[in-house]
Amino acid sequence: MRYMLLIYRDEEQWESSPLPERQAVFQESVAYSEDLRRRGIYEGGEPLELGNTATTVRMKDGKAVVTDGPFAETKETLGGYSIVDAKDLDEVLAIVRRHPLLKGGLSIEVRPIRTGPPR
């Protein structure tokens, strides 16, 4: 089963951490992802720019309304994602528990990827 790992961060906390620490966590994450790729589990992923670069589009009264910023105003914002292929939830949780970003104070939401039409 394919899972999306949604990586959330408190941007203020993350950005206030010393740059060498953030770079070290990033490099550990790259190495971690490459290990998963070699094992045939990792399908891809990327970090995202800060939430203040987001643009949200929603419908209001039949018209598309464009606003600056993320959809929800929360302390934590989506900072990146990964897609992995694991046999079940237990396996993907074992993978996530070892993710270096957890040491950096980030959180990871695990979601199965649905295929086909809504059910």
Protein backbone atom coordinates (compact mmCIF):
# COMPACT_ATOMS: atom_id res chain seq x y z
CA MET A 1 0.00 0.00 0.00
CA ARG A 2 1.21 3.50 -0.76
CA TYR A 3 1.31 6.10 2.00
CA MET A 4 1.89 9.83 1.98
CA LEU A 5 3.93 11.18 4.85
CA LEU A 6 2.89 14.79 5.48
CA ILE A 7 5.66 16.59 7.32
CA TYR A 8 4.60 19.48 9.55
CA ARG A 9 6.76 22.04 11.28
CA ASP A 10 6.41 25.01 13.56
CA GLU A 11 7.97 27.46 11.11
CA GLU A 12 8.96 30.00 13.75
CA GLN A 13 10.73 27.34 15.81
CA TRP A 14 12.33 25.76 12.73
CA GLU A 15 13.57 29.06 11.28
CA SER A 16 14.94 30.20 14.65
CA SER A 17 17.07 27.05 14.98
CA PRO A 18 20.71 27.56 14.01
CA LEU A 19 21.29 27.05 10.28
CA PRO A 20 23.94 24.32 10.80
CA GLU A 21 21.43 22.30 12.85
CA ARG A 22 18.72 22.63 10.17
CA GLN A 23 21.21 21.70 7.46
CA ALA A 24 22.34 18.63 9.45
CA VAL A 25 18.75 17.43 9.91
CA PHE A 26 18.11 18.00 6.20
CA GLN A 27 21.19 16.00 5.19
CA GLU A 28 20.21 13.16 7.54
CA SER A 29 16.77 13.17 5.94
CA VAL A 30 18.23 12.99 2.44
CA ALA A 31 20.42 10.03 3.46
CA TYR A 32 17.42 8.38 5.14
CA SER A 33 15.29 8.81 2.00
CA GLU A 34 18.08 7.42 -0.20
CA ASP A 35 18.29 4.34 2.04
CA LEU A 36 14.53 3.83 1.67
CA ARG A 37 14.87 4.30 -2.11
CA ARG A 38 17.57 1.61 -2.30
CA ARG A 39 15.24 -0.72 -0.38
CA GLY A 40 12.45 -0.06 -2.90
CA ILE A 41 10.19 1.70 -0.37
CA TYR A 42 10.64 5.41 -1.15
CA GLU A 43 8.78 6.74 -4.19
CA GLY A 44 9.57 10.43 -3.84
CA GLY A 45 9.10 13.58 -1.87
CA GLU A 46 10.19 17.17 -1.57
CA PRO A 47 10.43 19.93 1.03
CA LEU A 48 8.09 22.88 0.60
CA GLU A 49 8.80 26.59 0.91
CA LEU A 50 7.48 28.38 4.01
CA GLY A 51 3.74 28.79 4.47
CA ASN A 52 3.89 32.52 3.77
CA THR A 53 4.67 31.66 0.14
CA ALA A 54 1.41 29.70 -0.22
CA THR A 55 -1.59 30.83 -2.22
CA THR A 56 -5.03 29.38 -1.51
CA VAL A 57 -7.87 29.19 -4.02
CA ARG A 58 -11.44 28.45 -2.94
CA MET A 59 -14.90 28.98 -4.36
CA LYS A 60 -17.15 31.67 -2.90
CA ASP A 61 -20.50 32.50 -4.45
CA GLY A 62 -19.55 30.59 -7.59
CA LYS A 63 -16.27 32.47 -8.12
CA ALA A 64 -12.71 31.44 -7.46
CA VAL A 65 -11.23 33.57 -4.68
CA VAL A 66 -7.45 33.72 -4.36
CA THR A 67 -5.84 34.61 -1.03
CA ASP A 68 -2.25 34.75 0.14
CA GLY A 69 -1.07 32.21 2.66
CA PRO A 70 -2.05 28.71 3.65
CA PHE A 71 -5.67 27.62 3.95
CA ALA A 72 -5.58 27.20 7.73
CA GLU A 73 -3.94 29.54 10.18
CA THR A 74 -2.15 27.21 12.55
CA LYS A 75 1.17 27.18 14.31
CA GLU A 76 2.34 24.14 12.34
CA THR A 77 2.29 24.19 8.56
CA LEU A 78 2.94 21.58 5.90
CA GLY A 79 6.68 21.60 5.29
CA GLY A 80 7.08 18.71 2.89
CA TYR A 81 5.95 15.25 1.93
CA SER A 82 7.21 11.80 1.06
CA ILE A 83 5.51 8.85 -0.58
CA VAL A 84 6.44 5.34 0.52
CA ASP A 85 5.19 1.89 -0.38
CA ALA A 86 4.79 -0.37 2.66
CA LYS A 87 2.96 -3.63 3.21
CA ASP A 88 0.76 -2.18 5.96
CA LEU A 89 0.37 0.56 8.56
CA ASP A 90 2.68 -1.22 11.01
CA GLU A 91 5.51 -1.21 8.49
CA VAL A 92 5.05 2.45 7.55
CA LEU A 93 4.94 3.46 11.22
CA ALA A 94 8.20 1.59 11.82
CA ILE A 95 9.69 3.57 8.92
CA VAL A 96 8.39 6.90 10.23
CA ARG A 97 9.58 6.30 13.80
CA ARG A 98 13.18 6.33 12.49
CA HIS A 99 12.77 9.52 10.41
CA PRO A 100 15.47 12.10 11.26
CA LEU A 101 13.01 15.00 11.02
CA LEU A 102 11.32 13.83 14.22
CA LYS A 103 14.54 14.75 16.04
CA GLY A 104 14.22 18.24 14.57
CA GLY A 105 10.88 18.77 16.31
CA LEU A 106 8.74 18.14 13.22
CA SER A 107 5.71 15.87 13.13
CA ILE A 108 4.70 13.43 10.41
CA GLU A 109 1.11 12.58 9.52
CA VAL A 110 0.69 9.22 7.78
CA ARG A 111 -2.12 8.83 5.24
CA PRO A 112 -2.92 5.90 2.96
CA ILE A 113 -3.14 6.95 -0.67
CA ARG A 114 -6.53 6.05 -2.08
CA THR A 115 -6.81 4.79 -5.63
CA GLY A 116 -9.93 4.99 -7.74
CA PRO A 117 -13.09 7.00 -7.33
CA PRO A 118 -14.41 8.22 -3.97
CA ARG A 119 -16.08 5.51 -1.94
